[in-house]
Amino acid sequence: MTGISRRSWSRASSFCLALAACGGRPGNGARGVAPSATRVIPLASAIVLETAGPPPSDTSVTFTGGTPRVVVLRHGPPENVVFAEVSFAPAAFRADSGLPVRVDIRPLPGVYGLALVTSRPFRSGASVVFKYPRYFSASARARSVYGSDALYERALSVGEVQAAGQSLSLLPTTRPATDNLQAAIGSPGTYLVAAPAAP
């Protein structure tokens, strides 16, 4: 795994500030690991996991409420490896059963993150899995704080940017497989893979 350049880290830092204003590593978890507890941290202090891969494309799908759906986002060619999966159980849009539901997903540039918009609200029954076996990229800041890529990886969670854009709620997160992070999501919003600046 190669290091990240200062310019790339500056790009990721600028991304976090802008957001506020508007494989080869050892895995640390196995199936069935209990989720971490929710923790709220300032968005500016979050160390967001960067990606060195070709960016995934924006994705829009429409399906019938009350039916299950998994939306798969992939990095660009040539590998086309999976970046994230957003899943909706039948219960997610049960109140709108039989009606069309539109889901728009916009991956965030340079990091493992996405913005999710839906045409109808949901409160449960949805989840996101970020997958980073190929393009995991720890920043110089991450290595400075955690001492190694492996320790930084162990501290990662899926986080939801709060409405005011000033904080990040690190959600209960599990590892369904090596190099995968999964969390239940309760609403449309912006989700990032990140670790706190203070371990």
Protein backbone atom coordinates (compact mmCIF):
# COMPACT_ATOMS: atom_id res chain seq x y z
CA MET A 1 0.00 0.00 0.00
CA THR A 2 1.53 3.31 -0.99
CA GLY A 3 1.55 6.52 1.02
CA ILE A 4 -0.72 9.41 0.23
CA SER A 5 0.70 12.69 -1.06
CA ARG A 6 0.41 15.99 0.77
CA ARG A 7 -1.74 17.29 -2.07
CA SER A 8 -4.15 14.34 -1.70
CA TRP A 9 -4.38 14.90 2.06
CA SER A 10 -5.00 18.59 1.44
CA ARG A 11 -7.81 17.62 -0.94
CA ALA A 12 -9.44 15.38 1.69
CA SER A 13 -9.06 18.08 4.36
CA SER A 14 -10.62 20.65 2.04
CA PHE A 15 -13.45 18.20 1.38
CA CYS A 16 -14.21 17.96 5.12
CA LEU A 17 -14.19 21.73 5.51
CA ALA A 18 -16.41 22.17 2.44
CA LEU A 19 -18.81 19.55 3.75
CA ALA A 20 -19.04 21.38 7.06
CA ALA A 21 -19.74 24.58 5.23
CA CYS A 22 -22.59 23.39 3.11
CA GLY A 23 -5.78 -5.07 -0.23
CA GLY A 24 -2.92 -6.15 1.93
CA ARG A 25 -3.65 -4.98 5.46
CA PRO A 26 -4.46 -7.24 8.35
CA GLY A 27 -8.19 -7.24 9.05
CA ASN A 28 -9.31 -6.75 12.62
CA GLY A 29 -12.72 -8.31 12.68
CA ALA A 30 -14.70 -11.40 11.89
CA ARG A 31 -18.34 -12.03 11.21
CA GLY A 32 -20.58 -11.45 14.20
CA VAL A 33 -18.39 -8.84 15.90
CA ALA A 34 -20.54 -6.63 18.14
CA PRO A 35 -21.08 -3.13 16.73
CA SER A 36 -19.24 -0.21 18.21
CA ALA A 37 -21.20 2.36 20.20
CA THR A 38 -22.36 5.65 18.70
CA ARG A 39 -19.90 8.51 19.22
CA VAL A 40 -20.26 12.12 18.04
CA ILE A 41 -17.10 14.00 17.07
CA PRO A 42 -16.44 17.35 15.35
CA LEU A 43 -16.43 16.83 11.60
CA ALA A 44 -13.23 18.85 11.26
CA SER A 45 -11.40 16.40 13.56
CA ALA A 46 -12.53 13.24 11.74
CA ILE A 47 -9.81 11.37 9.86
CA VAL A 48 -11.71 10.28 6.76
CA LEU A 49 -10.57 7.18 4.87
CA GLU A 50 -9.24 8.20 1.49
CA THR A 51 -9.44 6.22 -1.75
CA ALA A 52 -6.81 6.10 -4.45
CA GLY A 53 -9.03 4.34 -6.95
CA PRO A 54 -11.01 5.52 -9.97
CA PRO A 55 -14.10 7.31 -8.65
CA PRO A 56 -17.46 5.56 -8.72
CA SER A 57 -20.20 7.17 -10.77
CA ASP A 58 -23.33 8.80 -9.42
CA THR A 59 -26.15 6.28 -9.39
CA SER A 60 -29.94 6.62 -9.55
CA VAL A 61 -32.43 3.78 -9.30
CA THR A 62 -36.20 3.57 -9.08
CA PHE A 63 -37.98 0.58 -7.57
CA THR A 64 -41.28 -0.33 -5.95
CA GLY A 65 -41.71 0.48 -2.27
CA GLY A 66 -42.11 -2.58 -0.05
CA THR A 67 -39.65 -4.67 -2.10
CA PRO A 68 -36.00 -5.36 -1.25
CA ARG A 69 -33.26 -3.63 -3.24
CA VAL A 70 -29.46 -3.57 -3.13
CA VAL A 71 -27.69 -0.77 -4.99
CA VAL A 72 -24.07 -1.57 -5.83
CA LEU A 73 -21.57 1.22 -6.54
CA ARG A 74 -18.30 0.31 -8.26
CA HIS A 75 -15.01 2.06 -8.80
CA GLY A 76 -14.33 2.96 -12.41
CA PRO A 77 -12.45 0.79 -14.92
CA PRO A 78 -10.31 -1.14 -15.31
CA GLU A 79 -10.97 -3.12 -12.09
CA ASN A 80 -14.59 -2.03 -11.45
CA VAL A 81 -14.30 -3.29 -7.86
CA VAL A 82 -17.16 -2.67 -5.45
CA PHE A 83 -16.97 0.63 -3.55
CA ALA A 84 -20.18 0.37 -1.51
CA GLU A 85 -23.54 -1.36 -1.32
CA VAL A 86 -26.69 0.36 -0.07
CA SER A 87 -29.45 -2.08 0.89
CA PHE A 88 -33.13 -1.50 1.48
CA ALA A 89 -35.20 -4.21 3.16
CA PRO A 90 -38.93 -4.43 2.37
CA ALA A 91 -39.64 -2.61 5.65
CA ALA A 92 -37.63 0.47 4.58
CA PHE A 93 -40.42 1.80 2.39
CA ARG A 94 -43.30 -0.32 3.71
CA ALA A 95 -45.47 2.78 4.22
CA ASP A 96 -45.10 3.43 0.48
CA SER A 97 -45.65 -0.18 -0.57
CA GLY A 98 -46.50 -0.41 -4.26
CA LEU A 99 -45.40 3.16 -5.00
CA PRO A 100 -42.25 4.09 -6.94
CA VAL A 101 -39.24 5.10 -4.86
CA ARG A 102 -36.27 6.92 -6.40
CA VAL A 103 -32.84 6.63 -4.78
CA ASP A 104 -29.95 8.91 -5.79
CA ILE A 105 -26.44 8.11 -4.53
CA ARG A 106 -23.47 10.41 -5.10
CA PRO A 107 -20.04 9.11 -4.06
CA LEU A 108 -17.89 11.82 -2.49
CA PRO A 109 -14.62 12.65 -4.27
CA GLY A 110 -11.39 11.17 -2.97
CA VAL A 111 -12.84 9.46 0.11
CA TYR A 112 -14.99 6.54 1.18
CA GLY A 113 -18.23 8.42 1.53
CA LEU A 114 -21.54 9.03 -0.20
CA ALA A 115 -24.55 11.32 -0.21
CA LEU A 116 -27.90 9.52 -0.24
CA VAL A 117 -31.19 11.13 -1.34
CA THR A 118 -34.53 9.30 -1.55
CA SER A 119 -37.85 10.46 -2.94
CA ARG A 120 -39.67 9.00 0.07
CA PRO A 121 -38.52 8.97 3.71
CA PHE A 122 -37.40 5.87 5.60
CA ARG A 123 -36.50 5.35 9.25
CA SER A 124 -35.26 1.77 9.38
CA GLY A 125 -34.55 -1.22 7.20
CA ALA A 126 -31.60 0.30 5.30
CA SER A 127 -27.85 -0.23 5.59
CA VAL A 128 -24.60 0.67 3.88
CA VAL A 129 -21.48 -1.45 3.44
CA PHE A 130 -18.24 0.25 2.36
CA LYS A 131 -15.66 -2.08 0.78
CA TYR A 132 -12.00 -1.10 0.63
CA PRO A 133 -9.86 -4.21 -0.15
CA ARG A 134 -8.20 -2.58 -3.17
CA TYR A 135 -8.05 1.19 -2.65
CA PHE A 136 -7.64 1.73 1.11
CA SER A 137 -5.45 4.83 1.49
CA ALA A 138 -4.40 6.02 4.94
CA SER A 139 -3.37 9.66 5.07
CA ALA A 140 -0.19 10.95 6.69
CA ARG A 141 -2.38 12.32 9.49
CA ALA A 142 -3.92 8.89 10.09
CA ARG A 143 -0.49 7.30 10.35
CA SER A 144 0.74 10.05 12.64
CA VAL A 145 -2.21 9.66 15.04
CA TYR A 146 -2.52 5.87 14.98
CA GLY A 147 1.05 4.80 14.23
CA SER A 148 0.16 2.29 11.51
CA ASP A 149 -2.37 1.54 8.81
CA ALA A 150 -3.62 -1.49 10.76
CA LEU A 151 -4.36 0.49 13.92
CA TYR A 152 -6.08 3.22 11.90
CA GLU A 153 -8.20 0.62 10.16
CA ARG A 154 -9.31 -0.85 13.49
CA ALA A 155 -10.55 2.58 14.59
CA LEU A 156 -12.69 3.16 11.50
CA SER A 157 -16.49 3.42 11.65
CA VAL A 158 -19.26 4.49 9.33
CA GLY A 159 -20.33 8.01 10.30
CA GLU A 160 -23.31 10.19 9.46
CA VAL A 161 -22.79 13.92 8.95
CA GLN A 162 -25.23 15.76 11.17
CA ALA A 163 -27.72 18.24 9.70
CA ALA A 164 -25.75 21.31 10.75
CA GLY A 165 -22.65 19.94 9.02
CA GLN A 166 -20.44 20.52 12.05
CA SER A 167 -20.29 17.02 13.53
CA LEU A 168 -20.03 13.38 12.56
CA SER A 169 -21.99 10.69 14.38
CA LEU A 170 -19.92 7.51 14.27
CA LEU A 171 -22.57 4.82 13.98
CA PRO A 172 -22.60 1.30 15.45
CA THR A 173 -20.45 -0.46 12.86
CA THR A 174 -19.70 -4.11 12.15
CA ARG A 175 -17.33 -5.94 9.83
CA PRO A 176 -19.27 -8.52 7.81
CA ALA A 177 -16.00 -9.47 6.08
CA THR A 178 -12.36 -8.38 5.98
CA ASP A 179 -12.02 -4.87 4.51
CA ASN A 180 -15.78 -4.23 4.87
CA LEU A 181 -17.58 -1.82 7.22
CA GLN A 182 -21.35 -1.97 7.65
CA ALA A 183 -23.85 0.20 9.51
CA ALA A 184 -27.60 0.54 9.65
CA ILE A 185 -28.78 3.92 8.39
CA GLY A 186 -31.99 5.59 9.45
CA SER A 187 -32.43 8.39 6.94
CA PRO A 188 -31.12 9.95 3.74
CA GLY A 189 -27.92 11.90 4.38
CA THR A 190 -24.16 11.95 3.99
CA TYR A 191 -22.16 8.98 5.22
CA LEU A 192 -18.37 8.66 5.60
CA VAL A 193 -15.83 6.08 6.74
CA ALA A 194 -13.74 7.82 9.39
CA ALA A 195 -11.88 7.53 12.67
CA PRO A 196 -11.65 10.03 15.51
CA ALA A 197 -8.50 12.15 15.78
CA ALA A 198 -8.22 11.12 19.44
CA PRO A 199 -8.14 7.30 19.70
